[in-house]
Amino acid sequence: MPRARLPVPGAAVPRVGGLLTSAIGRIALRILRWRVEGAFPDVPRAVLIVAPHTSNWDFPIGVAAKLALRLRVIFLGKHTLFTFPLGILMRRLGGMPVDRSGSFDMVNSIVVEFQRRDRLFLVVAPEGTRKHVERWRTGFYHIAHRAGVPIVPIAFNWRDRAIQIQPPFDTTGDADGDIAQLQQRYAGIPGRFGQRQGT
Protein backbone atom coordinates (compact mmCIF):
# COMPACT_ATOMS: atom_id res chain seq x y z
CA MET A 1 0.00 0.00 0.00
CA PRO A 2 1.51 3.40 -0.94
CA ARG A 3 2.31 5.77 1.89
CA ALA A 4 -0.60 8.20 2.29
CA ARG A 5 0.20 11.90 2.54
CA LEU A 6 -1.27 13.52 5.62
CA PRO A 7 -2.72 17.03 5.59
CA VAL A 8 -0.59 19.62 7.36
CA PRO A 9 -2.64 21.64 9.88
CA GLY A 10 -2.22 25.41 9.73
CA ALA A 11 -0.44 27.54 12.30
CA ALA A 12 -3.64 28.43 14.20
CA VAL A 13 -4.71 24.79 14.77
CA PRO A 14 -4.01 23.54 18.32
CA ARG A 15 -1.12 21.07 18.26
CA VAL A 16 0.61 18.80 20.74
CA GLY A 17 3.26 16.09 20.68
CA GLY A 18 6.38 15.65 18.61
CA LEU A 19 8.00 13.53 15.97
CA LEU A 20 7.79 10.32 18.01
CA THR A 21 4.05 10.47 18.72
CA SER A 22 3.38 11.56 15.13
CA ALA A 23 5.38 8.57 13.85
CA ILE A 24 3.41 6.22 16.12
CA GLY A 25 0.15 7.60 14.73
CA ARG A 26 1.33 7.30 11.14
CA ILE A 27 2.47 3.71 11.66
CA ALA A 28 -0.86 2.84 13.29
CA LEU A 29 -2.81 4.32 10.39
CA ARG A 30 -0.65 2.38 7.96
CA ILE A 31 -1.14 -0.91 9.85
CA LEU A 32 -4.89 -0.30 10.03
CA ARG A 33 -4.85 0.68 6.31
CA TRP A 34 -6.54 4.04 6.89
CA ARG A 35 -5.73 7.47 5.47
CA VAL A 36 -6.75 11.07 6.16
CA GLU A 37 -8.24 13.21 3.40
CA GLY A 38 -9.04 16.92 3.29
CA ALA A 39 -7.72 19.71 5.48
CA PHE A 40 -8.63 21.41 8.72
CA PRO A 41 -9.56 25.09 8.52
CA ASP A 42 -6.74 27.23 9.88
CA VAL A 43 -8.68 28.30 12.97
CA PRO A 44 -7.77 28.04 16.66
CA ARG A 45 -11.17 26.89 17.94
CA ALA A 46 -13.80 24.59 16.45
CA VAL A 47 -16.24 21.76 17.16
CA LEU A 48 -15.33 18.63 15.19
CA ILE A 49 -18.21 16.21 14.65
CA VAL A 50 -17.36 12.62 13.74
CA ALA A 51 -19.89 10.32 12.05
CA PRO A 52 -21.08 7.74 11.29
CA HIS A 53 -20.12 6.18 14.62
CA THR A 54 -21.03 2.49 14.48
CA SER A 55 -18.00 0.63 15.85
CA ASN A 56 -15.61 0.56 18.80
CA TRP A 57 -12.85 0.65 16.19
CA ASP A 58 -13.71 4.27 15.37
CA PHE A 59 -11.94 5.35 18.58
CA PRO A 60 -8.47 3.82 18.02
CA ILE A 61 -8.54 4.92 14.39
CA GLY A 62 -9.37 8.44 15.51
CA VAL A 63 -6.61 8.36 18.13
CA ALA A 64 -4.11 7.23 15.48
CA ALA A 65 -5.11 10.19 13.29
CA LYS A 66 -4.89 12.58 16.25
CA LEU A 67 -1.36 11.40 17.02
CA ALA A 68 -0.27 11.44 13.39
CA LEU A 69 -1.52 15.01 12.88
CA ARG A 70 -0.33 16.12 16.34
CA LEU A 71 -3.75 17.57 17.13
CA ARG A 72 -4.58 18.82 20.60
CA VAL A 73 -8.26 17.98 21.14
CA ILE A 74 -10.70 17.29 23.93
CA PHE A 75 -13.47 14.75 23.61
CA LEU A 76 -16.41 13.75 25.75
CA GLY A 77 -16.89 10.21 27.03
CA LYS A 78 -19.04 8.24 29.45
CA HIS A 79 -17.81 8.80 32.99
CA THR A 80 -17.55 5.03 33.46
CA LEU A 81 -14.64 4.97 30.99
CA PHE A 82 -12.56 7.21 33.22
CA THR A 83 -12.06 4.84 36.14
CA PHE A 84 -8.59 3.56 36.98
CA PRO A 85 -6.51 2.52 35.09
CA LEU A 86 -8.16 3.31 31.72
CA GLY A 87 -9.05 6.78 32.92
CA ILE A 88 -5.39 7.80 33.01
CA LEU A 89 -5.00 7.07 29.30
CA MET A 90 -8.34 8.66 28.41
CA ARG A 91 -7.40 11.92 30.10
CA ARG A 92 -3.93 11.93 28.53
CA LEU A 93 -5.60 11.67 25.13
CA GLY A 94 -7.86 14.64 25.90
CA GLY A 95 -10.91 12.91 27.33
CA MET A 96 -13.45 14.69 29.52
CA PRO A 97 -15.89 12.50 31.51
CA VAL A 98 -19.61 13.20 31.26
CA ASP A 99 -22.25 11.75 33.59
CA ARG A 100 -25.48 11.91 31.60
CA SER A 101 -27.55 10.72 34.54
CA GLY A 102 -26.89 13.88 36.56
CA SER A 103 -27.86 17.51 36.20
CA PHE A 104 -24.43 18.52 34.90
CA ASP A 105 -24.81 21.38 32.39
CA MET A 106 -22.43 20.06 29.75
CA VAL A 107 -23.21 22.67 27.08
CA ASN A 108 -22.62 25.63 29.37
CA SER A 109 -19.44 24.17 30.85
CA ILE A 110 -17.92 23.55 27.40
CA VAL A 111 -18.92 27.03 26.20
CA VAL A 112 -17.06 28.42 29.22
CA GLU A 113 -14.03 26.33 28.20
CA PHE A 114 -14.14 27.86 24.71
CA GLN A 115 -14.36 31.34 26.20
CA ARG A 116 -11.35 30.88 28.45
CA ARG A 117 -9.07 29.10 25.98
CA ASP A 118 -7.33 30.70 23.02
CA ARG A 119 -7.19 27.37 21.22
CA LEU A 120 -9.61 24.47 21.55
CA PHE A 121 -10.78 21.68 19.26
CA LEU A 122 -13.70 19.70 20.71
CA VAL A 123 -14.45 16.30 19.12
CA VAL A 124 -18.02 15.00 19.39
CA ALA A 125 -19.90 12.01 17.95
CA PRO A 126 -23.30 13.66 17.29
CA GLU A 127 -25.12 10.32 17.31
CA GLY A 128 -24.04 9.89 20.93
CA THR A 129 -23.95 6.10 20.62
CA ARG A 130 -22.87 3.28 18.30
CA LYS A 131 -26.49 2.13 18.01
CA HIS A 132 -29.04 3.26 15.43
CA VAL A 133 -30.63 6.63 16.26
CA GLU A 134 -33.36 8.58 14.52
CA ARG A 135 -32.01 11.96 15.59
CA TRP A 136 -28.60 13.36 16.43
CA ARG A 137 -28.02 14.84 19.85
CA THR A 138 -27.98 18.64 19.61
CA GLY A 139 -25.48 19.55 22.33
CA PHE A 140 -22.60 19.91 19.87
CA TYR A 141 -24.63 22.41 17.85
CA HIS A 142 -25.53 24.62 20.80
CA ILE A 143 -21.92 24.56 21.99
CA ALA A 144 -20.65 25.73 18.58
CA HIS A 145 -23.35 28.38 18.18
CA ARG A 146 -23.02 29.85 21.66
CA ALA A 147 -19.22 29.79 21.52
CA GLY A 148 -19.22 31.35 18.04
CA VAL A 149 -16.98 28.67 16.52
CA PRO A 150 -17.34 26.68 13.28
CA ILE A 151 -18.40 23.06 13.06
CA VAL A 152 -16.00 20.82 11.10
CA PRO A 153 -17.69 17.63 9.85
CA ILE A 154 -15.41 14.58 9.74
CA ALA A 155 -16.60 11.36 8.11
CA PHE A 156 -15.34 7.87 8.95
CA ASN A 157 -15.73 6.23 5.55
CA TRP A 158 -15.29 2.52 6.17
CA ARG A 159 -15.73 1.56 2.52
CA ASP A 160 -12.69 3.60 1.47
CA ARG A 161 -10.98 3.38 4.89
CA ALA A 162 -10.63 7.15 4.89
CA ILE A 163 -11.10 9.83 7.51
CA GLN A 164 -12.58 12.64 5.43
CA ILE A 165 -12.29 16.21 6.73
CA GLN A 166 -15.01 18.36 5.19
CA PRO A 167 -15.26 22.16 4.84
CA PRO A 168 -16.28 24.05 7.99
CA PHE A 169 -19.91 24.94 8.67
CA ASP A 170 -21.00 28.17 10.35
CA THR A 171 -24.17 27.95 12.42
CA THR A 172 -27.11 30.27 11.75
CA GLY A 173 -29.17 29.72 14.90
CA ASP A 174 -31.68 27.51 13.06
CA ALA A 175 -30.70 24.29 14.83
CA ASP A 176 -33.08 21.98 12.96
CA GLY A 177 -32.20 23.38 9.54
CA ASP A 178 -28.46 23.50 10.17
CA ILE A 179 -28.33 19.97 11.58
CA ALA A 180 -30.30 18.71 8.57
CA GLN A 181 -27.67 20.28 6.30
CA LEU A 182 -24.86 18.72 8.30
CA GLN A 183 -26.50 15.28 8.13
CA GLN A 184 -26.72 15.64 4.35
CA ARG A 185 -22.95 15.87 4.22
CA TYR A 186 -22.82 12.28 5.46
CA ALA A 187 -25.34 10.91 2.97
CA GLY A 188 -23.96 7.78 1.33
CA ILE A 189 -20.91 7.53 3.60
CA PRO A 190 -20.85 4.04 5.12
CA GLY A 191 -19.86 3.24 8.67
CA ARG A 192 -18.52 -0.16 9.62
CA PHE A 193 -21.98 -1.47 10.48
CA GLY A 194 -24.56 0.08 8.15
CA GLN A 195 -27.52 -1.23 10.13
CA ARG A 196 -26.47 0.91 13.09
CA GLN A 197 -26.26 4.18 11.19
CA GLY A 198 -28.63 6.96 12.09
CA THR A 199 -30.67 9.02 9.72
C-alpha atoms as a PDB file:
ATOM      1  CA  MET A   1       0.000   0.000   0.000  1.00  0.00           C
ATOM      2  CA  PRO A   2       1.508   3.405  -0.944  1.00  0.00           C
ATOM      3  CA  ARG A   3       2.309   5.772   1.886  1.00  0.00           C
ATOM      4  CA  ALA A   4      -0.596   8.200   2.287  1.00  0.00           C
ATOM      5  CA  ARG A   5       0.199  11.901   2.536  1.00  0.00           C
ATOM      6  CA  LEU A   6      -1.265  13.519   5.617  1.00  0.00           C
ATOM      7  CA  PRO A   7      -2.715  17.027   5.589  1.00  0.00           C
ATOM      8  CA  VAL A   8      -0.591  19.616   7.361  1.00  0.00           C
ATOM      9  CA  PRO A   9      -2.642  21.637   9.881  1.00  0.00           C
ATOM     10  CA  GLY A  10      -2.221  25.411   9.731  1.00  0.00           C
ATOM     11  CA  ALA A  11      -0.435  27.537  12.305  1.00  0.00           C
ATOM     12  CA  ALA A  12      -3.643  28.425  14.196  1.00  0.00           C
ATOM     13  CA  VAL A  13      -4.710  24.792  14.769  1.00  0.00           C
ATOM     14  CA  PRO A  14      -4.012  23.544  18.324  1.00  0.00           C
ATOM     15  CA  ARG A  15      -1.123  21.067  18.256  1.00  0.00           C
ATOM     16  CA  VAL A  16       0.610  18.799  20.741  1.00  0.00           C
ATOM     17  CA  GLY A  17       3.258  16.091  20.676  1.00  0.00           C
ATOM     18  CA  GLY A  18       6.376  15.655  18.613  1.00  0.00           C
ATOM     19  CA  LEU A  19       7.999  13.526  15.972  1.00  0.00           C
ATOM     20  CA  LEU A  20       7.790  10.315  18.008  1.00  0.00           C
ATOM     21  CA  THR A  21       4.046  10.471  18.720  1.00  0.00           C
ATOM     22  CA  SER A  22       3.384  11.562  15.131  1.00  0.00           C
ATOM     23  CA  ALA A  23       5.384   8.575  13.850  1.00  0.00           C
ATOM     24  CA  ILE A  24       3.414   6.221  16.123  1.00  0.00           C
ATOM     25  CA  GLY A  25       0.150   7.597  14.732  1.00  0.00           C
ATOM     26  CA  ARG A  26       1.335   7.299  11.141  1.00  0.00           C
ATOM     27  CA  ILE A  27       2.474   3.712  11.656  1.00  0.00           C
ATOM     28  CA  ALA A  28      -0.855   2.836  13.293  1.00  0.00           C
ATOM     29  CA  LEU A  29      -2.811   4.318  10.392  1.00  0.00           C
ATOM     30  CA  ARG A  30      -0.650   2.376   7.958  1.00  0.00           C
ATOM     31  CA  ILE A  31      -1.136  -0.906   9.848  1.00  0.00           C
ATOM     32  CA  LEU A  32      -4.887  -0.301  10.033  1.00  0.00           C
ATOM     33  CA  ARG A  33      -4.853   0.680   6.311  1.00  0.00           C
ATOM     34  CA  TRP A  34      -6.538   4.041   6.890  1.00  0.00           C
ATOM     35  CA  ARG A  35      -5.735   7.467   5.467  1.00  0.00           C
ATOM     36  CA  VAL A  36      -6.745  11.072   6.161  1.00  0.00           C
ATOM     37  CA  GLU A  37      -8.239  13.210   3.399  1.00  0.00           C
ATOM     38  CA  GLY A  38      -9.043  16.917   3.288  1.00  0.00           C
ATOM     39  CA  ALA A  39      -7.723  19.709   5.482  1.00  0.00           C
ATOM     40  CA  PHE A  40      -8.626  21.412   8.718  1.00  0.00           C
ATOM     41  CA  PRO A  41      -9.563  25.087   8.522  1.00  0.00           C
ATOM     42  CA  ASP A  42      -6.744  27.230   9.884  1.00  0.00           C
ATOM     43  CA  VAL A  43      -8.677  28.297  12.969  1.00  0.00           C
ATOM     44  CA  PRO A  44      -7.768  28.037  16.659  1.00  0.00           C
ATOM     45  CA  ARG A  45     -11.166  26.887  17.938  1.00  0.00           C
ATOM     46  CA  ALA A  46     -13.800  24.585  16.453  1.00  0.00           C
ATOM     47  CA  VAL A  47     -16.243  21.759  17.164  1.00  0.00           C
ATOM     48  CA  LEU A  48     -15.328  18.626  15.195  1.00  0.00           C
ATOM     49  CA  ILE A  49     -18.215  16.207  14.653  1.00  0.00           C
ATOM     50  CA  VAL A  50     -17.358  12.619  13.739  1.00  0.00           C
ATOM     51  CA  ALA A  51     -19.887  10.318  12.048  1.00  0.00           C
ATOM     52  CA  PRO A  52     -21.080   7.743  11.292  1.00  0.00           C
ATOM     53  CA  HIS A  53     -20.121   6.175  14.617  1.00  0.00           C
ATOM     54  CA  THR A  54     -21.032   2.489  14.476  1.00  0.00           C
ATOM     55  CA  SER A  55     -18.002   0.634  15.851  1.00  0.00           C
ATOM     56  CA  ASN A  56     -15.612   0.564  18.802  1.00  0.00           C
ATOM     57  CA  TRP A  57     -12.852   0.650  16.185  1.00  0.00           C
ATOM     58  CA  ASP A  58     -13.708   4.274  15.375  1.00  0.00           C
ATOM     59  CA  PHE A  59     -11.944   5.349  18.578  1.00  0.00           C
ATOM     60  CA  PRO A  60      -8.467   3.817  18.024  1.00  0.00           C
ATOM     61  CA  ILE A  61      -8.537   4.918  14.390  1.00  0.00           C
ATOM     62  CA  GLY A  62      -9.371   8.442  15.506  1.00  0.00           C
ATOM     63  CA  VAL A  63      -6.611   8.356  18.126  1.00  0.00           C
ATOM     64  CA  ALA A  64      -4.105   7.234  15.476  1.00  0.00           C
ATOM     65  CA  ALA A  65      -5.109  10.191  13.289  1.00  0.00           C
ATOM     66  CA  LYS A  66      -4.894  12.585  16.247  1.00  0.00           C
ATOM     67  CA  LEU A  67      -1.360  11.405  17.021  1.00  0.00           C
ATOM     68  CA  ALA A  68      -0.270  11.442  13.394  1.00  0.00           C
ATOM     69  CA  LEU A  69      -1.520  15.008  12.881  1.00  0.00           C
ATOM     70  CA  ARG A  70      -0.332  16.117  16.342  1.00  0.00           C
ATOM     71  CA  LEU A  71      -3.747  17.568  17.130  1.00  0.00           C
ATOM     72  CA  ARG A  72      -4.582  18.821  20.604  1.00  0.00           C
ATOM     73  CA  VAL A  73      -8.258  17.980  21.142  1.00  0.00           C
ATOM     74  CA  ILE A  74     -10.696  17.290  23.930  1.00  0.00           C
ATOM     75  CA  PHE A  75     -13.470  14.751  23.611  1.00  0.00           C
ATOM     76  CA  LEU A  76     -16.413  13.754  25.750  1.00  0.00           C
ATOM     77  CA  GLY A  77     -16.895  10.212  27.031  1.00  0.00           C
ATOM     78  CA  LYS A  78     -19.035   8.238  29.449  1.00  0.00           C
ATOM     79  CA  HIS A  79     -17.812   8.799  32.987  1.00  0.00           C
ATOM     80  CA  THR A  80     -17.551   5.027  33.461  1.00  0.00           C
ATOM     81  CA  LEU A  81     -14.641   4.975  30.987  1.00  0.00           C
ATOM     82  CA  PHE A  82     -12.563   7.213  33.223  1.00  0.00           C
ATOM     83  CA  THR A  83     -12.061   4.837  36.137  1.00  0.00           C
ATOM     84  CA  PHE A  84      -8.588   3.557  36.981  1.00  0.00           C
ATOM     85  CA  PRO A  85      -6.514   2.517  35.093  1.00  0.00           C
ATOM     86  CA  LEU A  86      -8.163   3.308  31.719  1.00  0.00           C
ATOM     87  CA  GLY A  87      -9.054   6.784  32.919  1.00  0.00           C
ATOM     88  CA  ILE A  88      -5.392   7.797  33.007  1.00  0.00           C
ATOM     89  CA  LEU A  89      -5.004   7.074  29.300  1.00  0.00           C
ATOM     90  CA  MET A  90      -8.342   8.655  28.412  1.00  0.00           C
ATOM     91  CA  ARG A  91      -7.397  11.919  30.104  1.00  0.00           C
ATOM     92  CA  ARG A  92      -3.933  11.928  28.526  1.00  0.00           C
ATOM     93  CA  LEU A  93      -5.598  11.670  25.132  1.00  0.00           C
ATOM     94  CA  GLY A  94      -7.857  14.636  25.897  1.00  0.00           C
ATOM     95  CA  GLY A  95     -10.911  12.913  27.331  1.00  0.00           C
ATOM     96  CA  MET A  96     -13.454  14.686  29.518  1.00  0.00           C
ATOM     97  CA  PRO A  97     -15.887  12.495  31.508  1.00  0.00           C
ATOM     98  CA  VAL A  98     -19.612  13.202  31.264  1.00  0.00           C
ATOM     99  CA  ASP A  99     -22.246  11.754  33.587  1.00  0.00           C
ATOM    100  CA  ARG A 100     -25.479  11.915  31.599  1.00  0.00           C
ATOM    101  CA  SER A 101     -27.551  10.718  34.541  1.00  0.00           C
ATOM    102  CA  GLY A 102     -26.894  13.879  36.560  1.00  0.00           C
ATOM    103  CA  SER A 103     -27.856  17.509  36.196  1.00  0.00           C
ATOM    104  CA  PHE A 104     -24.430  18.523  34.904  1.00  0.00           C
ATOM    105  CA  ASP A 105     -24.805  21.384  32.389  1.00  0.00           C
ATOM    106  CA  MET A 106     -22.430  20.065  29.754  1.00  0.00           C
ATOM    107  CA  VAL A 107     -23.214  22.668  27.081  1.00  0.00           C
ATOM    108  CA  ASN A 108     -22.617  25.630  29.371  1.00  0.00           C
ATOM    109  CA  SER A 109     -19.438  24.166  30.849  1.00  0.00           C
ATOM    110  CA  ILE A 110     -17.925  23.547  27.399  1.00  0.00           C
ATOM    111  CA  VAL A 111     -18.920  27.030  26.203  1.00  0.00           C
ATOM    112  CA  VAL A 112     -17.057  28.416  29.216  1.00  0.00           C
ATOM    113  CA  GLU A 113     -14.025  26.333  28.203  1.00  0.00           C
ATOM    114  CA  PHE A 114     -14.140  27.858  24.715  1.00  0.00           C
ATOM    115  CA  GLN A 115     -14.360  31.344  26.203  1.00  0.00           C
ATOM    116  CA  ARG A 116     -11.354  30.880  28.451  1.00  0.00           C
ATOM    117  CA  ARG A 117      -9.067  29.100  25.985  1.00  0.00           C
ATOM    118  CA  ASP A 118      -7.334  30.705  23.022  1.00  0.00           C
ATOM    119  CA  ARG A 119      -7.189  27.366  21.224  1.00  0.00           C
ATOM    120  CA  LEU A 120      -9.612  24.469  21.549  1.00  0.00           C
ATOM    121  CA  PHE A 121     -10.782  21.676  19.256  1.00  0.00           C
ATOM    122  CA  LEU A 122     -13.699  19.696  20.706  1.00  0.00           C
ATOM    123  CA  VAL A 123     -14.446  16.296  19.123  1.00  0.00           C
ATOM    124  CA  VAL A 124     -18.015  15.001  19.390  1.00  0.00           C
ATOM    125  CA  ALA A 125     -19.903  12.009  17.949  1.00  0.00           C
ATOM    126  CA  PRO A 126     -23.296  13.657  17.292  1.00  0.00           C
ATOM    127  CA  GLU A 127     -25.118  10.321  17.312  1.00  0.00           C
ATOM    128  CA  GLY A 128     -24.043   9.894  20.932  1.00  0.00           C
ATOM    129  CA  THR A 129     -23.949   6.098  20.620  1.00  0.00           C
ATOM    130  CA  ARG A 130     -22.868   3.276  18.299  1.00  0.00           C
ATOM    131  CA  LYS A 131     -26.491   2.133  18.007  1.00  0.00           C
ATOM    132  CA  HIS A 132     -29.036   3.264  15.431  1.00  0.00           C
ATOM    133  CA  VAL A 133     -30.626   6.628  16.263  1.00  0.00           C
ATOM    134  CA  GLU A 134     -33.360   8.583  14.518  1.00  0.00           C
ATOM    135  CA  ARG A 135     -32.009  11.961  15.594  1.00  0.00           C
ATOM    136  CA  TRP A 136     -28.601  13.362  16.425  1.00  0.00           C
ATOM    137  CA  ARG A 137     -28.024  14.838  19.852  1.00  0.00           C
ATOM    138  CA  THR A 138     -27.977  18.635  19.610  1.00  0.00           C
ATOM    139  CA  GLY A 139     -25.479  19.551  22.333  1.00  0.00           C
ATOM    140  CA  PHE A 140     -22.599  19.913  19.868  1.00  0.00           C
ATOM    141  CA  TYR A 141     -24.633  22.405  17.848  1.00  0.00           C
ATOM    142  CA  HIS A 142     -25.528  24.621  20.805  1.00  0.00           C
ATOM    143  CA  ILE A 143     -21.915  24.564  21.987  1.00  0.00           C
ATOM    144  CA  ALA A 144     -20.646  25.733  18.582  1.00  0.00           C
ATOM    145  CA  HIS A 145     -23.349  28.383  18.177  1.00  0.00           C
ATOM    146  CA  ARG A 146     -23.017  29.853  21.660  1.00  0.00           C
ATOM    147  CA  ALA A 147     -19.219  29.788  21.516  1.00  0.00           C
ATOM    148  CA  GLY A 148     -19.219  31.351  18.035  1.00  0.00           C
ATOM    149  CA  VAL A 149     -16.984  28.675  16.518  1.00  0.00           C
ATOM    150  CA  PRO A 150     -17.341  26.684  13.279  1.00  0.00           C
ATOM    151  CA  ILE A 151     -18.399  23.056  13.063  1.00  0.00           C
ATOM    152  CA  VAL A 152     -15.999  20.825  11.103  1.00  0.00           C
ATOM    153  CA  PRO A 153     -17.694  17.627   9.850  1.00  0.00           C
ATOM    154  CA  ILE A 154     -15.406  14.584   9.737  1.00  0.00           C
ATOM    155  CA  ALA A 155     -16.595  11.355   8.111  1.00  0.00           C
ATOM    156  CA  PHE A 156     -15.341   7.873   8.951  1.00  0.00           C
ATOM    157  CA  ASN A 157     -15.725   6.234   5.550  1.00  0.00           C
ATOM    158  CA  TRP A 158     -15.292   2.518   6.167  1.00  0.00           C
ATOM    159  CA  ARG A 159     -15.727   1.560   2.518  1.00  0.00           C
ATOM    160  CA  ASP A 160     -12.686   3.602   1.473  1.00  0.00           C
ATOM    161  CA  ARG A 161     -10.984   3.378   4.887  1.00  0.00           C
ATOM    162  CA  ALA A 162     -10.635   7.151   4.890  1.00  0.00           C
ATOM    163  CA  ILE A 163     -11.103   9.833   7.508  1.00  0.00           C
ATOM    164  CA  GLN A 164     -12.575  12.637   5.426  1.00  0.00           C
ATOM    165  CA  ILE A 165     -12.290  16.214   6.726  1.00  0.00           C
ATOM    166  CA  GLN A 166     -15.014  18.357   5.191  1.00  0.00           C
ATOM    167  CA  PRO A 167     -15.259  22.164   4.839  1.00  0.00           C
ATOM    168  CA  PRO A 168     -16.281  24.048   7.995  1.00  0.00           C
ATOM    169  CA  PHE A 169     -19.910  24.940   8.673  1.00  0.00           C
ATOM    170  CA  ASP A 170     -21.003  28.170  10.353  1.00  0.00           C
ATOM    171  CA  THR A 171     -24.169  27.950  12.421  1.00  0.00           C
ATOM    172  CA  THR A 172     -27.111  30.272  11.751  1.00  0.00           C
ATOM    173  CA  GLY A 173     -29.166  29.720  14.898  1.00  0.00           C
ATOM    174  CA  ASP A 174     -31.681  27.513  13.061  1.00  0.00           C
ATOM    175  CA  ALA A 175     -30.701  24.291  14.828  1.00  0.00           C
ATOM    176  CA  ASP A 176     -33.085  21.979  12.960  1.00  0.00           C
ATOM    177  CA  GLY A 177     -32.199  23.381   9.542  1.00  0.00           C
ATOM    178  CA  ASP A 178     -28.463  23.502  10.173  1.00  0.00           C
ATOM    179  CA  ILE A 179     -28.329  19.966  11.579  1.00  0.00           C
ATOM    180  CA  ALA A 180     -30.297  18.706   8.567  1.00  0.00           C
ATOM    181  CA  GLN A 181     -27.674  20.282   6.297  1.00  0.00           C
ATOM    182  CA  LEU A 182     -24.855  18.719   8.304  1.00  0.00           C
ATOM    183  CA  GLN A 183     -26.498  15.285   8.128  1.00  0.00           C
ATOM    184  CA  GLN A 184     -26.721  15.644   4.350  1.00  0.00           C
ATOM    185  CA  ARG A 185     -22.950  15.872   4.219  1.00  0.00           C
ATOM    186  CA  TYR A 186     -22.816  12.284   5.463  1.00  0.00           C
ATOM    187  CA  ALA A 187     -25.336  10.908   2.972  1.00  0.00           C
ATOM    188  CA  GLY A 188     -23.958   7.778   1.326  1.00  0.00           C
ATOM    189  CA  ILE A 189     -20.914   7.534   3.596  1.00  0.00           C
ATOM    190  CA  PRO A 190     -20.854   4.038   5.120  1.00  0.00           C
ATOM    191  CA  GLY A 191     -19.858   3.244   8.675  1.00  0.00           C
ATOM    192  CA  ARG A 192     -18.522  -0.156   9.624  1.00  0.00           C
ATOM    193  CA  PHE A 193     -21.979  -1.466  10.482  1.00  0.00           C
ATOM    194  CA  GLY A 194     -24.556   0.077   8.150  1.00  0.00           C
ATOM    195  CA  GLN A 195     -27.523  -1.230  10.135  1.00  0.00           C
ATOM    196  CA  ARG A 196     -26.474   0.907  13.087  1.00  0.00           C
ATOM    197  CA  GLN A 197     -26.258   4.175  11.192  1.00  0.00           C
ATOM    198  CA  GLY A 198     -28.629   6.957  12.095  1.00  0.00           C
ATOM    199  CA  THR A 199     -30.670   9.022   9.719  1.00  0.00           C
END
